[in-house]
Amino acid sequence: MFPILYFFSDWAILVLRLVFGFLMAAHGLPKLKNLKGTAEWMESEGFRPGRLWATAVAVLEFFGGIAIFFGFFTQPVAVIFVLQFAVIVLWKIGKSEKLVGSLELDLLVLSISLLLATIATDAPALDSFFYGAGY
């Protein structure tokens, strides 16, 4: 409909990647700061051993968010986010949680992760520096 806007697609992906990476790192930081509390919560929700899963999730979200922000290992990190949030969405569906107020943001994170895992872009990123343009 507006082909002229395609010119900005790489920049739009860059903005999406920067915001998403920042938010995922911010989302993971409290988990890293309070691994004990995160582990206890995960145990109470049935994710055992809680310490293992809490550590994995906190490290993924914080350091994975930073990696996504800088465009470093974007595809592998995004694939792991896809797996993580697919589990979260299915788990919440299994608990009959509502779309609004529970599932909506997890579905959005899942969708953004899927996009970042599958799209090639020439937006500035460390991946492009190491692996060439369009990575």
N, C-alpha and C. Protein backbone atom coordinates (compact mmCIF):
# COMPACT_ATOMS: atom_id res chain seq x y z
N MET A 1 0.81 -1.19 0.00
CA MET A 1 0.00 0.00 0.00
C MET A 1 0.86 1.26 0.00
N PHE A 2 1.93 1.27 0.82
CA PHE A 2 2.85 2.39 0.87
C PHE A 2 4.28 1.87 0.67
N PRO A 3 4.63 1.50 -0.54
CA PRO A 3 5.95 0.90 -0.79
C PRO A 3 7.12 1.77 -0.32
N ILE A 4 6.92 3.07 -0.27
CA ILE A 4 8.02 3.94 0.16
C ILE A 4 8.46 3.61 1.60
N LEU A 5 7.54 3.08 2.39
CA LEU A 5 7.87 2.75 3.78
C LEU A 5 8.81 1.55 3.88
N TYR A 6 8.88 0.72 2.84
CA TYR A 6 9.80 -0.43 2.86
C TYR A 6 11.24 0.02 3.03
N PHE A 7 11.52 1.23 2.62
CA PHE A 7 12.86 1.79 2.76
C PHE A 7 13.30 1.79 4.23
N PHE A 8 12.34 1.93 5.13
CA PHE A 8 12.63 2.03 6.55
C PHE A 8 12.56 0.70 7.30
N SER A 9 12.35 -0.40 6.59
CA SER A 9 12.14 -1.68 7.28
C SER A 9 13.34 -2.11 8.12
N ASP A 10 14.55 -1.93 7.62
CA ASP A 10 15.72 -2.29 8.42
C ASP A 10 15.81 -1.45 9.69
N TRP A 11 15.46 -0.18 9.58
CA TRP A 11 15.51 0.69 10.75
C TRP A 11 14.41 0.33 11.74
N ALA A 12 13.26 -0.08 11.23
CA ALA A 12 12.18 -0.51 12.12
C ALA A 12 12.58 -1.76 12.89
N ILE A 13 13.24 -2.69 12.21
CA ILE A 13 13.72 -3.91 12.87
C ILE A 13 14.78 -3.54 13.92
N LEU A 14 15.63 -2.58 13.60
CA LEU A 14 16.63 -2.13 14.56
C LEU A 14 15.97 -1.59 15.83
N VAL A 15 14.97 -0.73 15.66
CA VAL A 15 14.26 -0.18 16.82
C VAL A 15 13.61 -1.30 17.62
N LEU A 16 12.95 -2.22 16.93
CA LEU A 16 12.32 -3.36 17.60
C LEU A 16 13.36 -4.16 18.39
N ARG A 17 14.49 -4.44 17.77
CA ARG A 17 15.54 -5.23 18.43
C ARG A 17 16.10 -4.50 19.65
N LEU A 18 16.34 -3.20 19.53
CA LEU A 18 16.87 -2.43 20.65
C LEU A 18 15.90 -2.40 21.83
N VAL A 19 14.64 -2.10 21.54
CA VAL A 19 13.64 -2.02 22.61
C VAL A 19 13.42 -3.40 23.23
N PHE A 20 13.29 -4.42 22.39
CA PHE A 20 13.07 -5.78 22.89
C PHE A 20 14.25 -6.24 23.75
N GLY A 21 15.46 -6.03 23.28
CA GLY A 21 16.64 -6.42 24.04
C GLY A 21 16.72 -5.71 25.38
N PHE A 22 16.46 -4.42 25.37
CA PHE A 22 16.47 -3.64 26.61
C PHE A 22 15.43 -4.16 27.59
N LEU A 23 14.21 -4.38 27.10
CA LEU A 23 13.13 -4.84 27.97
C LEU A 23 13.38 -6.24 28.52
N MET A 24 13.94 -7.13 27.70
CA MET A 24 14.23 -8.48 28.19
C MET A 24 15.32 -8.45 29.26
N ALA A 25 16.34 -7.62 29.06
CA ALA A 25 17.39 -7.49 30.08
C ALA A 25 16.80 -6.91 31.37
N ALA A 26 15.95 -5.90 31.23
CA ALA A 26 15.30 -5.31 32.41
C ALA A 26 14.39 -6.32 33.09
N HIS A 27 13.76 -7.18 32.32
CA HIS A 27 12.87 -8.21 32.85
C HIS A 27 13.66 -9.29 33.60
N GLY A 28 14.86 -9.58 33.15
CA GLY A 28 15.68 -10.62 33.76
C GLY A 28 16.49 -10.15 34.96
N LEU A 29 16.78 -8.86 35.05
CA LEU A 29 17.63 -8.34 36.13
C LEU A 29 17.07 -8.64 37.52
N PRO A 30 15.79 -8.40 37.80
CA PRO A 30 15.28 -8.73 39.15
C PRO A 30 15.39 -10.22 39.47
N LYS A 31 15.26 -11.06 38.45
CA LYS A 31 15.41 -12.50 38.67
C LYS A 31 16.84 -12.83 39.06
N LEU A 32 17.81 -12.18 38.41
CA LEU A 32 19.23 -12.39 38.75
C LEU A 32 19.54 -11.89 40.15
N LYS A 33 18.97 -10.75 40.51
CA LYS A 33 19.22 -10.17 41.82
C LYS A 33 18.62 -10.99 42.95
N ASN A 34 17.54 -11.70 42.66
CA ASN A 34 16.85 -12.49 43.68
C ASN A 34 16.65 -13.92 43.19
N LEU A 35 17.74 -14.60 42.92
CA LEU A 35 17.65 -15.97 42.41
C LEU A 35 16.93 -16.90 43.39
N LYS A 36 17.14 -16.68 44.67
CA LYS A 36 16.50 -17.54 45.67
C LYS A 36 14.98 -17.41 45.58
N GLY A 37 14.49 -16.19 45.54
CA GLY A 37 13.05 -15.96 45.45
C GLY A 37 12.48 -16.48 44.14
N THR A 38 13.22 -16.27 43.06
CA THR A 38 12.78 -16.77 41.75
C THR A 38 12.72 -18.29 41.76
N ALA A 39 13.73 -18.92 42.37
CA ALA A 39 13.76 -20.38 42.44
C ALA A 39 12.60 -20.91 43.27
N GLU A 40 12.31 -20.26 44.38
CA GLU A 40 11.18 -20.68 45.22
C GLU A 40 9.87 -20.58 44.46
N TRP A 41 9.70 -19.48 43.73
CA TRP A 41 8.47 -19.31 42.94
C TRP A 41 8.37 -20.39 41.86
N MET A 42 9.48 -20.65 41.17
CA MET A 42 9.45 -21.66 40.11
C MET A 42 9.13 -23.04 40.68
N GLU A 43 9.70 -23.37 41.82
CA GLU A 43 9.38 -24.64 42.49
C GLU A 43 7.89 -24.72 42.80
N SER A 44 7.34 -23.62 43.32
CA SER A 44 5.92 -23.61 43.70
C SER A 44 5.00 -23.76 42.50
N GLU A 45 5.50 -23.39 41.33
CA GLU A 45 4.70 -23.51 40.10
C GLU A 45 4.95 -24.83 39.37
N GLY A 46 5.83 -25.66 39.93
CA GLY A 46 6.05 -26.99 39.36
C GLY A 46 7.27 -27.11 38.47
N PHE A 47 8.07 -26.06 38.37
CA PHE A 47 9.29 -26.11 37.56
C PHE A 47 10.44 -26.52 38.48
N ARG A 48 10.73 -27.83 38.46
CA ARG A 48 11.75 -28.39 39.36
C ARG A 48 12.92 -28.94 38.56
N PRO A 49 14.13 -28.76 39.03
CA PRO A 49 14.52 -28.05 40.24
C PRO A 49 14.47 -26.53 40.02
N GLY A 50 13.86 -25.85 40.96
CA GLY A 50 13.64 -24.41 40.83
C GLY A 50 14.91 -23.61 40.66
N ARG A 51 15.96 -23.99 41.37
CA ARG A 51 17.23 -23.25 41.29
C ARG A 51 17.80 -23.31 39.87
N LEU A 52 17.75 -24.48 39.26
CA LEU A 52 18.25 -24.65 37.89
C LEU A 52 17.46 -23.79 36.92
N TRP A 53 16.14 -23.89 36.97
CA TRP A 53 15.31 -23.15 36.02
C TRP A 53 15.37 -21.65 36.28
N ALA A 54 15.42 -21.25 37.53
CA ALA A 54 15.52 -19.82 37.85
C ALA A 54 16.82 -19.24 37.29
N THR A 55 17.91 -19.97 37.47
CA THR A 55 19.20 -19.51 36.96
C THR A 55 19.19 -19.43 35.44
N ALA A 56 18.68 -20.47 34.81
CA ALA A 56 18.63 -20.50 33.34
C ALA A 56 17.80 -19.35 32.79
N VAL A 57 16.63 -19.14 33.37
CA VAL A 57 15.73 -18.09 32.88
C VAL A 57 16.33 -16.71 33.14
N ALA A 58 16.87 -16.49 34.34
CA ALA A 58 17.45 -15.19 34.67
C ALA A 58 18.63 -14.86 33.77
N VAL A 59 19.51 -15.83 33.56
CA VAL A 59 20.68 -15.62 32.70
C VAL A 59 20.23 -15.37 31.26
N LEU A 60 19.29 -16.18 30.78
CA LEU A 60 18.80 -16.00 29.41
C LEU A 60 18.19 -14.62 29.23
N GLU A 61 17.30 -14.24 30.12
CA GLU A 61 16.60 -12.97 29.93
C GLU A 61 17.54 -11.79 30.05
N PHE A 62 18.43 -11.79 31.04
CA PHE A 62 19.32 -10.64 31.22
C PHE A 62 20.40 -10.59 30.14
N PHE A 63 21.20 -11.64 30.05
CA PHE A 63 22.31 -11.62 29.10
C PHE A 63 21.83 -11.80 27.66
N GLY A 64 20.76 -12.58 27.47
CA GLY A 64 20.16 -12.70 26.14
C GLY A 64 19.58 -11.39 25.67
N GLY A 65 18.98 -10.64 26.60
CA GLY A 65 18.46 -9.32 26.25
C GLY A 65 19.57 -8.37 25.82
N ILE A 66 20.68 -8.41 26.54
CA ILE A 66 21.83 -7.57 26.16
C ILE A 66 22.36 -7.99 24.79
N ALA A 67 22.46 -9.29 24.55
CA ALA A 67 22.94 -9.79 23.25
C ALA A 67 22.01 -9.33 22.13
N ILE A 68 20.70 -9.46 22.34
CA ILE A 68 19.74 -9.02 21.32
C ILE A 68 19.89 -7.52 21.09
N PHE A 69 20.03 -6.75 22.16
CA PHE A 69 20.18 -5.30 22.05
C PHE A 69 21.32 -4.94 21.11
N PHE A 70 22.45 -5.60 21.29
CA PHE A 70 23.62 -5.30 20.46
C PHE A 70 23.64 -6.07 19.14
N GLY A 71 22.65 -6.93 18.95
CA GLY A 71 22.61 -7.70 17.71
C GLY A 71 23.70 -8.75 17.66
N PHE A 72 23.98 -9.38 18.79
CA PHE A 72 25.03 -10.38 18.89
C PHE A 72 24.40 -11.74 19.15
N PHE A 73 24.65 -12.69 18.26
CA PHE A 73 23.99 -14.01 18.32
C PHE A 73 22.47 -13.86 18.35
N THR A 74 21.97 -12.93 17.56
CA THR A 74 20.54 -12.61 17.57
C THR A 74 19.68 -13.83 17.29
N GLN A 75 19.97 -14.56 16.23
CA GLN A 75 19.12 -15.70 15.89
C GLN A 75 19.13 -16.80 16.95
N PRO A 76 20.29 -17.27 17.40
CA PRO A 76 20.26 -18.33 18.42
C PRO A 76 19.56 -17.90 19.71
N VAL A 77 19.82 -16.67 20.15
CA VAL A 77 19.18 -16.19 21.38
C VAL A 77 17.68 -16.08 21.16
N ALA A 78 17.27 -15.56 20.01
CA ALA A 78 15.84 -15.43 19.73
C ALA A 78 15.16 -16.80 19.68
N VAL A 79 15.83 -17.80 19.13
CA VAL A 79 15.26 -19.16 19.10
C VAL A 79 15.04 -19.67 20.53
N ILE A 80 15.99 -19.41 21.41
CA ILE A 80 15.83 -19.85 22.80
C ILE A 80 14.68 -19.10 23.46
N PHE A 81 14.54 -17.80 23.16
CA PHE A 81 13.39 -17.05 23.66
C PHE A 81 12.08 -17.63 23.13
N VAL A 82 12.06 -18.04 21.86
CA VAL A 82 10.86 -18.68 21.30
C VAL A 82 10.50 -19.91 22.12
N LEU A 83 11.48 -20.74 22.40
CA LEU A 83 11.23 -21.95 23.19
C LEU A 83 10.73 -21.61 24.59
N GLN A 84 11.39 -20.65 25.23
CA GLN A 84 11.00 -20.26 26.58
C GLN A 84 9.56 -19.76 26.60
N PHE A 85 9.22 -18.87 25.68
CA PHE A 85 7.89 -18.27 25.75
C PHE A 85 6.81 -19.18 25.18
N ALA A 86 7.19 -20.14 24.36
CA ALA A 86 6.22 -21.17 23.95
C ALA A 86 5.83 -21.99 25.18
N VAL A 87 6.82 -22.34 26.00
CA VAL A 87 6.54 -23.07 27.24
C VAL A 87 5.66 -22.23 28.16
N ILE A 88 5.98 -20.96 28.31
CA ILE A 88 5.20 -20.08 29.18
C ILE A 88 3.75 -19.99 28.71
N VAL A 89 3.57 -19.78 27.40
CA VAL A 89 2.21 -19.66 26.85
C VAL A 89 1.43 -20.96 27.05
N LEU A 90 2.05 -22.08 26.73
CA LEU A 90 1.36 -23.37 26.91
C LEU A 90 1.05 -23.65 28.38
N TRP A 91 1.97 -23.30 29.25
CA TRP A 91 1.76 -23.48 30.68
C TRP A 91 0.58 -22.63 31.16
N LYS A 92 0.52 -21.38 30.71
CA LYS A 92 -0.58 -20.50 31.11
C LYS A 92 -1.91 -20.97 30.53
N ILE A 93 -1.89 -21.46 29.30
CA ILE A 93 -3.12 -22.01 28.71
C ILE A 93 -3.57 -23.21 29.53
N GLY A 94 -2.63 -24.05 29.94
CA GLY A 94 -2.95 -25.21 30.77
C GLY A 94 -3.56 -24.83 32.11
N LYS A 95 -3.22 -23.64 32.59
CA LYS A 95 -3.79 -23.14 33.84
C LYS A 95 -5.07 -22.35 33.60
N SER A 96 -5.53 -22.33 32.34
CA SER A 96 -6.75 -21.60 31.93
C SER A 96 -6.66 -20.11 32.25
N GLU A 97 -5.48 -19.54 32.07
CA GLU A 97 -5.34 -18.11 32.29
C GLU A 97 -5.94 -17.35 31.12
N LYS A 98 -6.38 -16.14 31.41
CA LYS A 98 -7.06 -15.32 30.40
C LYS A 98 -6.06 -14.68 29.45
N LEU A 99 -6.55 -14.35 28.26
CA LEU A 99 -5.72 -13.68 27.27
C LEU A 99 -5.30 -12.31 27.78
N VAL A 100 -6.28 -11.48 28.12
CA VAL A 100 -5.99 -10.12 28.58
C VAL A 100 -5.59 -10.18 30.04
N GLY A 101 -4.45 -9.60 30.34
CA GLY A 101 -3.96 -9.59 31.71
C GLY A 101 -3.03 -10.74 32.05
N SER A 102 -2.82 -11.65 31.11
CA SER A 102 -1.92 -12.76 31.40
C SER A 102 -1.14 -13.19 30.16
N LEU A 103 -1.86 -13.68 29.16
CA LEU A 103 -1.20 -14.25 27.98
C LEU A 103 -0.73 -13.22 26.96
N GLU A 104 -1.34 -12.05 26.94
CA GLU A 104 -1.10 -11.10 25.86
C GLU A 104 0.37 -10.72 25.69
N LEU A 105 1.04 -10.37 26.77
CA LEU A 105 2.44 -9.95 26.66
C LEU A 105 3.36 -11.12 26.33
N ASP A 106 3.04 -12.29 26.86
CA ASP A 106 3.85 -13.47 26.54
C ASP A 106 3.72 -13.83 25.06
N LEU A 107 2.53 -13.70 24.51
CA LEU A 107 2.34 -13.94 23.07
C LEU A 107 3.09 -12.91 22.24
N LEU A 108 3.12 -11.67 22.71
CA LEU A 108 3.85 -10.62 22.01
C LEU A 108 5.35 -10.91 22.03
N VAL A 109 5.89 -11.31 23.18
CA VAL A 109 7.31 -11.66 23.27
C VAL A 109 7.62 -12.86 22.39
N LEU A 110 6.74 -13.85 22.39
CA LEU A 110 6.91 -15.02 21.53
C LEU A 110 6.95 -14.61 20.07
N SER A 111 6.06 -13.73 19.66
CA SER A 111 5.99 -13.28 18.27
C SER A 111 7.22 -12.47 17.87
N ILE A 112 7.66 -11.57 18.73
CA ILE A 112 8.86 -10.78 18.44
C ILE A 112 10.08 -11.69 18.34
N SER A 113 10.17 -12.64 19.24
CA SER A 113 11.30 -13.59 19.21
C SER A 113 11.30 -14.39 17.92
N LEU A 114 10.13 -14.83 17.50
CA LEU A 114 10.01 -15.58 16.25
C LEU A 114 10.44 -14.73 15.06
N LEU A 115 10.04 -13.48 15.05
CA LEU A 115 10.44 -12.57 13.98
C LEU A 115 11.96 -12.40 13.96
N LEU A 116 12.55 -12.13 15.12
CA LEU A 116 14.00 -11.92 15.17
C LEU A 116 14.78 -13.19 14.83
N ALA A 117 14.19 -14.34 15.09
CA ALA A 117 14.86 -15.60 14.77
C ALA A 117 14.84 -15.91 13.28
N THR A 118 13.91 -15.33 12.56
CA THR A 118 13.70 -15.74 11.16
C THR A 118 13.94 -14.65 10.13
N ILE A 119 14.21 -13.43 10.54
CA ILE A 119 14.32 -12.34 9.57
C ILE A 119 15.79 -12.01 9.29
N ALA A 120 16.07 -11.69 8.07
CA ALA A 120 17.39 -11.19 7.69
C ALA A 120 17.27 -9.69 7.49
N THR A 121 18.22 -8.96 8.02
CA THR A 121 18.16 -7.51 7.94
C THR A 121 19.56 -6.93 7.77
N ASP A 122 19.62 -5.75 7.22
CA ASP A 122 20.88 -5.04 7.10
C ASP A 122 21.01 -3.96 8.16
N ALA A 123 20.16 -4.01 9.18
CA ALA A 123 20.24 -3.04 10.27
C ALA A 123 21.56 -3.22 11.01
N PRO A 124 22.11 -2.14 11.53
CA PRO A 124 23.37 -2.25 12.27
C PRO A 124 23.28 -3.27 13.41
N ALA A 125 24.25 -4.18 13.46
CA ALA A 125 24.29 -5.22 14.49
C ALA A 125 25.67 -5.83 14.52
N LEU A 126 26.06 -6.34 15.67
CA LEU A 126 27.34 -7.04 15.76
C LEU A 126 27.36 -8.29 14.89
N ASP A 127 26.20 -8.93 14.72
CA ASP A 127 26.13 -10.10 13.84
C ASP A 127 26.60 -9.74 12.43
N SER A 128 26.19 -8.57 11.94
CA SER A 128 26.59 -8.14 10.59
C SER A 128 28.10 -7.92 10.52
N PHE A 129 28.67 -7.40 11.60
CA PHE A 129 30.11 -7.17 11.64
C PHE A 129 30.88 -8.49 11.57
N PHE A 130 30.41 -9.49 12.31
CA PHE A 130 31.11 -10.77 12.36
C PHE A 130 30.77 -11.70 11.21
N TYR A 131 29.53 -11.68 10.76
CA TYR A 131 29.07 -12.68 9.79
C TYR A 131 28.69 -12.10 8.44
N GLY A 132 28.73 -10.79 8.28
CA GLY A 132 28.39 -10.17 7.01
C GLY A 132 26.98 -9.60 7.00
N ALA A 133 26.73 -8.73 6.05
CA ALA A 133 25.44 -8.06 5.94
C ALA A 133 24.32 -9.06 5.71
N GLY A 134 23.17 -8.74 6.24
CA GLY A 134 21.99 -9.57 6.02
C GLY A 134 21.90 -10.76 6.94
N TYR A 135 22.76 -10.81 7.95
CA TYR A 135 22.71 -11.95 8.87
C TYR A 135 21.63 -11.73 9.90
